[in-house]
Amino acid sequence: MRLLNAAMVNGYSIVTYQRPLKASDELDLPILTNGSQAIIWAIGPLNDRQEVSFHSHYLKTDRFIEFGRPPAWNCPMPDQELPYDDANETISNNQVSIEA
């Protein structure tokens, strides 16, 4: 997984990640583009070795994303209008990029 962009907008953290649609290891699942797919997310501190530690904030309910849907801006806009590319979500070359 690769971090493409990160920003704070009106108190919201907006991040854009990219990873291949195909799972890259045995603990991961492929990303589907033909329907809704359950997601899991969490944030928390890193330990002394800069590894993921206990997640202090995490998703406590089912959340689904349709990764194959047409691109759409669905994040908060900053207080003043800033130019942005409408293609904040793209699927190409067997990779997916999501900004939410």
N, C-alpha and C. Protein backbone atom coordinates (compact mmCIF):
# COMPACT_ATOMS: atom_id res chain seq x y z
N MET A 1 0.86 -1.16 0.00
CA MET A 1 0.00 0.00 0.00
C MET A 1 0.90 1.22 0.00
N ARG A 2 0.47 2.25 -0.73
CA ARG A 2 1.26 3.47 -0.85
C ARG A 2 0.38 4.68 -0.52
N LEU A 3 0.88 5.56 0.33
CA LEU A 3 0.19 6.80 0.65
C LEU A 3 0.44 7.79 -0.47
N LEU A 4 -0.63 8.28 -1.10
CA LEU A 4 -0.50 9.24 -2.19
C LEU A 4 -0.66 10.68 -1.73
N ASN A 5 -1.54 10.90 -0.73
CA ASN A 5 -1.83 12.26 -0.30
C ASN A 5 -2.47 12.22 1.08
N ALA A 6 -2.24 13.27 1.86
CA ALA A 6 -2.88 13.40 3.17
C ALA A 6 -3.09 14.89 3.45
N ALA A 7 -4.25 15.24 4.03
CA ALA A 7 -4.55 16.64 4.33
C ALA A 7 -5.59 16.71 5.44
N MET A 8 -5.58 17.81 6.16
CA MET A 8 -6.64 18.12 7.14
C MET A 8 -7.50 19.21 6.51
N VAL A 9 -8.80 18.97 6.40
CA VAL A 9 -9.73 19.93 5.81
C VAL A 9 -10.93 20.08 6.74
N ASN A 10 -11.12 21.27 7.28
CA ASN A 10 -12.24 21.55 8.17
C ASN A 10 -12.36 20.50 9.29
N GLY A 11 -11.24 20.08 9.85
CA GLY A 11 -11.26 19.11 10.94
C GLY A 11 -11.34 17.66 10.51
N TYR A 12 -11.39 17.39 9.20
CA TYR A 12 -11.43 16.02 8.68
C TYR A 12 -10.04 15.64 8.17
N SER A 13 -9.63 14.41 8.45
CA SER A 13 -8.40 13.87 7.87
C SER A 13 -8.78 13.22 6.54
N ILE A 14 -8.15 13.66 5.48
CA ILE A 14 -8.41 13.09 4.15
C ILE A 14 -7.12 12.45 3.68
N VAL A 15 -7.18 11.16 3.38
CA VAL A 15 -6.01 10.43 2.91
C VAL A 15 -6.33 9.69 1.62
N THR A 16 -5.34 9.57 0.78
CA THR A 16 -5.47 8.83 -0.47
C THR A 16 -4.41 7.74 -0.46
N TYR A 17 -4.85 6.49 -0.55
CA TYR A 17 -3.96 5.34 -0.59
C TYR A 17 -4.10 4.65 -1.94
N GLN A 18 -3.07 3.89 -2.31
CA GLN A 18 -3.13 3.09 -3.52
C GLN A 18 -2.54 1.72 -3.23
N ARG A 19 -3.18 0.70 -3.75
CA ARG A 19 -2.66 -0.66 -3.65
C ARG A 19 -3.21 -1.47 -4.82
N PRO A 20 -2.55 -2.57 -5.18
CA PRO A 20 -3.05 -3.41 -6.26
C PRO A 20 -4.41 -4.00 -5.90
N LEU A 21 -5.23 -4.25 -6.92
CA LEU A 21 -6.52 -4.90 -6.69
C LEU A 21 -6.31 -6.34 -6.20
N LYS A 22 -5.28 -6.99 -6.71
CA LYS A 22 -4.97 -8.36 -6.30
C LYS A 22 -4.30 -8.33 -4.93
N ALA A 23 -4.68 -9.27 -4.07
CA ALA A 23 -4.06 -9.37 -2.74
C ALA A 23 -2.57 -9.69 -2.88
N SER A 24 -1.76 -9.04 -2.04
CA SER A 24 -0.31 -9.24 -2.16
C SER A 24 0.25 -10.23 -1.14
N ASP A 25 -0.56 -10.65 -0.16
CA ASP A 25 -0.09 -11.66 0.80
C ASP A 25 -1.27 -12.48 1.29
N GLU A 26 -0.98 -13.54 2.05
CA GLU A 26 -2.02 -14.48 2.48
C GLU A 26 -2.98 -13.89 3.52
N LEU A 27 -2.65 -12.77 4.14
CA LEU A 27 -3.53 -12.15 5.13
C LEU A 27 -4.43 -11.07 4.53
N ASP A 28 -4.32 -10.85 3.25
CA ASP A 28 -5.09 -9.80 2.57
C ASP A 28 -6.12 -10.43 1.64
N LEU A 29 -7.08 -9.63 1.20
CA LEU A 29 -8.10 -10.07 0.25
C LEU A 29 -8.03 -9.19 -0.99
N PRO A 30 -8.46 -9.70 -2.15
CA PRO A 30 -8.49 -8.86 -3.34
C PRO A 30 -9.56 -7.79 -3.21
N ILE A 31 -9.37 -6.68 -3.93
CA ILE A 31 -10.37 -5.62 -3.97
C ILE A 31 -11.31 -5.92 -5.14
N LEU A 32 -12.60 -6.00 -4.85
CA LEU A 32 -13.61 -6.29 -5.88
C LEU A 32 -14.04 -4.99 -6.55
N THR A 33 -14.35 -5.07 -7.85
CA THR A 33 -14.82 -3.89 -8.57
C THR A 33 -16.22 -4.09 -9.13
N ASN A 34 -16.89 -5.18 -8.72
CA ASN A 34 -18.22 -5.48 -9.28
C ASN A 34 -19.31 -5.50 -8.20
N GLY A 35 -19.10 -4.77 -7.09
CA GLY A 35 -20.11 -4.71 -6.04
C GLY A 35 -19.54 -4.14 -4.76
N SER A 36 -20.36 -4.08 -3.73
CA SER A 36 -19.92 -3.56 -2.44
C SER A 36 -18.96 -4.52 -1.76
N GLN A 37 -18.01 -3.96 -1.05
CA GLN A 37 -17.03 -4.76 -0.32
C GLN A 37 -16.85 -4.18 1.08
N ALA A 38 -16.85 -5.06 2.07
CA ALA A 38 -16.64 -4.63 3.45
C ALA A 38 -15.22 -4.14 3.62
N ILE A 39 -15.04 -3.09 4.43
CA ILE A 39 -13.71 -2.57 4.73
C ILE A 39 -13.50 -2.54 6.24
N ILE A 40 -12.25 -2.52 6.64
CA ILE A 40 -11.86 -2.37 8.04
C ILE A 40 -10.82 -1.27 8.09
N TRP A 41 -10.95 -0.37 9.05
CA TRP A 41 -9.93 0.66 9.24
C TRP A 41 -9.75 0.92 10.73
N ALA A 42 -8.59 1.45 11.07
CA ALA A 42 -8.29 1.81 12.45
C ALA A 42 -7.10 2.76 12.45
N ILE A 43 -6.99 3.58 13.48
CA ILE A 43 -5.83 4.44 13.65
C ILE A 43 -5.36 4.33 15.09
N GLY A 44 -4.09 4.56 15.29
CA GLY A 44 -3.53 4.48 16.63
C GLY A 44 -2.04 4.78 16.59
N PRO A 45 -1.40 4.77 17.74
CA PRO A 45 0.02 5.12 17.82
C PRO A 45 0.92 3.99 17.31
N LEU A 46 2.18 4.36 17.04
CA LEU A 46 3.21 3.39 16.70
C LEU A 46 4.00 3.06 17.96
N ASN A 47 4.57 1.84 18.03
CA ASN A 47 5.37 1.47 19.19
C ASN A 47 6.80 2.01 19.03
N ASP A 48 7.70 1.63 19.91
CA ASP A 48 9.08 2.13 19.88
C ASP A 48 9.83 1.75 18.61
N ARG A 49 9.40 0.66 17.96
CA ARG A 49 10.04 0.22 16.71
C ARG A 49 9.33 0.79 15.48
N GLN A 50 8.43 1.77 15.70
CA GLN A 50 7.66 2.40 14.62
C GLN A 50 6.76 1.40 13.90
N GLU A 51 6.24 0.43 14.66
CA GLU A 51 5.29 -0.55 14.13
C GLU A 51 3.90 -0.21 14.67
N VAL A 52 2.88 -0.67 13.95
CA VAL A 52 1.51 -0.43 14.39
C VAL A 52 1.30 -1.05 15.76
N SER A 53 0.69 -0.30 16.65
CA SER A 53 0.43 -0.76 18.00
C SER A 53 -1.08 -0.88 18.19
N PHE A 54 -1.56 -0.81 19.44
CA PHE A 54 -3.00 -0.89 19.72
C PHE A 54 -3.75 0.22 18.98
N HIS A 55 -4.85 -0.13 18.34
CA HIS A 55 -5.67 0.85 17.62
C HIS A 55 -6.63 1.52 18.60
N SER A 56 -6.44 2.81 18.83
CA SER A 56 -7.30 3.52 19.78
C SER A 56 -8.63 3.93 19.15
N HIS A 57 -8.67 4.09 17.84
CA HIS A 57 -9.91 4.43 17.13
C HIS A 57 -10.09 3.41 16.00
N TYR A 58 -11.27 2.81 15.93
CA TYR A 58 -11.50 1.82 14.90
C TYR A 58 -12.98 1.76 14.55
N LEU A 59 -13.27 1.19 13.39
CA LEU A 59 -14.62 1.03 12.89
C LEU A 59 -15.34 -0.03 13.72
N LYS A 60 -16.48 0.33 14.30
CA LYS A 60 -17.19 -0.60 15.18
C LYS A 60 -18.45 -1.18 14.52
N THR A 61 -18.71 -0.79 13.28
CA THR A 61 -19.86 -1.31 12.54
C THR A 61 -19.40 -1.72 11.14
N ASP A 62 -20.26 -2.43 10.41
CA ASP A 62 -19.95 -2.79 9.03
C ASP A 62 -19.94 -1.54 8.16
N ARG A 63 -18.95 -1.42 7.31
CA ARG A 63 -18.88 -0.32 6.35
C ARG A 63 -18.53 -0.92 5.00
N PHE A 64 -19.22 -0.48 3.96
CA PHE A 64 -19.00 -1.03 2.63
C PHE A 64 -18.65 0.08 1.65
N ILE A 65 -17.79 -0.25 0.69
CA ILE A 65 -17.40 0.68 -0.38
C ILE A 65 -17.58 -0.04 -1.70
N GLU A 66 -18.05 0.68 -2.70
CA GLU A 66 -18.12 0.15 -4.07
C GLU A 66 -16.91 0.69 -4.81
N PHE A 67 -15.84 -0.10 -4.87
CA PHE A 67 -14.60 0.36 -5.48
C PHE A 67 -14.70 0.52 -6.99
N GLY A 68 -15.68 -0.11 -7.63
CA GLY A 68 -15.84 0.00 -9.08
C GLY A 68 -16.76 1.12 -9.52
N ARG A 69 -17.25 1.93 -8.59
CA ARG A 69 -18.19 3.01 -8.97
C ARG A 69 -17.46 4.11 -9.73
N PRO A 70 -18.20 4.93 -10.48
CA PRO A 70 -17.56 6.06 -11.17
C PRO A 70 -16.97 7.03 -10.14
N PRO A 71 -15.86 7.70 -10.47
CA PRO A 71 -15.24 8.64 -9.54
C PRO A 71 -16.21 9.75 -9.12
N ALA A 72 -16.16 10.12 -7.85
CA ALA A 72 -16.98 11.21 -7.32
C ALA A 72 -16.29 11.81 -6.11
N TRP A 73 -16.28 13.14 -6.01
CA TRP A 73 -15.71 13.81 -4.85
C TRP A 73 -16.72 13.69 -3.72
N ASN A 74 -16.35 13.02 -2.62
CA ASN A 74 -17.28 12.84 -1.51
C ASN A 74 -16.64 13.25 -0.18
N CYS A 75 -15.65 14.11 -0.25
CA CYS A 75 -14.97 14.60 0.95
C CYS A 75 -15.35 16.05 1.20
N PRO A 76 -15.19 16.53 2.43
CA PRO A 76 -15.52 17.93 2.71
C PRO A 76 -14.64 18.87 1.91
N MET A 77 -15.19 19.99 1.50
CA MET A 77 -14.42 21.01 0.79
C MET A 77 -13.80 21.96 1.81
N PRO A 78 -12.62 22.49 1.50
CA PRO A 78 -12.02 23.48 2.40
C PRO A 78 -12.86 24.75 2.44
N ASP A 79 -12.62 25.61 3.44
CA ASP A 79 -13.37 26.85 3.58
C ASP A 79 -13.31 27.70 2.33
N GLN A 80 -12.15 27.78 1.69
CA GLN A 80 -12.05 28.51 0.44
C GLN A 80 -11.88 27.51 -0.69
N GLU A 81 -12.39 27.86 -1.84
CA GLU A 81 -12.33 26.95 -2.98
C GLU A 81 -10.89 26.75 -3.43
N LEU A 82 -10.47 25.51 -3.53
CA LEU A 82 -9.17 25.16 -4.06
C LEU A 82 -9.37 24.27 -5.27
N PRO A 83 -8.56 24.43 -6.30
CA PRO A 83 -8.73 23.54 -7.46
C PRO A 83 -8.39 22.11 -7.08
N TYR A 84 -9.13 21.17 -7.64
CA TYR A 84 -8.84 19.76 -7.41
C TYR A 84 -9.19 18.98 -8.66
N ASP A 85 -8.60 17.83 -8.78
CA ASP A 85 -8.82 16.95 -9.91
C ASP A 85 -10.02 16.07 -9.62
N ASP A 86 -11.00 16.04 -10.52
CA ASP A 86 -12.21 15.23 -10.31
C ASP A 86 -11.89 13.75 -10.22
N ALA A 87 -10.74 13.33 -10.64
CA ALA A 87 -10.39 11.90 -10.62
C ALA A 87 -9.72 11.54 -9.30
N ASN A 88 -10.35 11.81 -8.18
CA ASN A 88 -9.78 11.48 -6.88
C ASN A 88 -9.88 10.00 -6.60
N GLU A 89 -10.65 9.29 -7.37
CA GLU A 89 -10.73 7.84 -7.25
C GLU A 89 -10.53 7.28 -8.64
N THR A 90 -9.53 6.46 -8.82
CA THR A 90 -9.26 5.90 -10.13
C THR A 90 -8.98 4.42 -10.01
N ILE A 91 -9.35 3.71 -11.05
CA ILE A 91 -9.01 2.29 -11.14
C ILE A 91 -8.34 2.10 -12.49
N SER A 92 -7.06 1.74 -12.46
CA SER A 92 -6.33 1.51 -13.69
C SER A 92 -5.14 0.61 -13.40
N ASN A 93 -4.69 -0.10 -14.40
CA ASN A 93 -3.54 -0.98 -14.27
C ASN A 93 -3.63 -1.88 -13.04
N ASN A 94 -4.82 -2.41 -12.77
CA ASN A 94 -5.04 -3.33 -11.64
C ASN A 94 -4.71 -2.72 -10.29
N GLN A 95 -4.89 -1.40 -10.15
CA GLN A 95 -4.71 -0.74 -8.87
C GLN A 95 -5.91 0.15 -8.61
N VAL A 96 -6.15 0.44 -7.34
CA VAL A 96 -7.26 1.31 -6.98
C VAL A 96 -6.72 2.42 -6.08
N SER A 97 -7.21 3.64 -6.31
CA SER A 97 -6.87 4.78 -5.45
C SER A 97 -8.16 5.37 -4.93
N ILE A 98 -8.29 5.53 -3.63
CA ILE A 98 -9.51 6.04 -3.02
C ILE A 98 -9.17 7.24 -2.15
N GLU A 99 -9.96 8.30 -2.28
CA GLU A 99 -9.84 9.42 -1.36
C GLU A 99 -11.16 9.56 -0.65
N ALA A 100 -11.14 9.45 0.65
CA ALA A 100 -12.38 9.54 1.44
C ALA A 100 -12.08 10.05 2.82
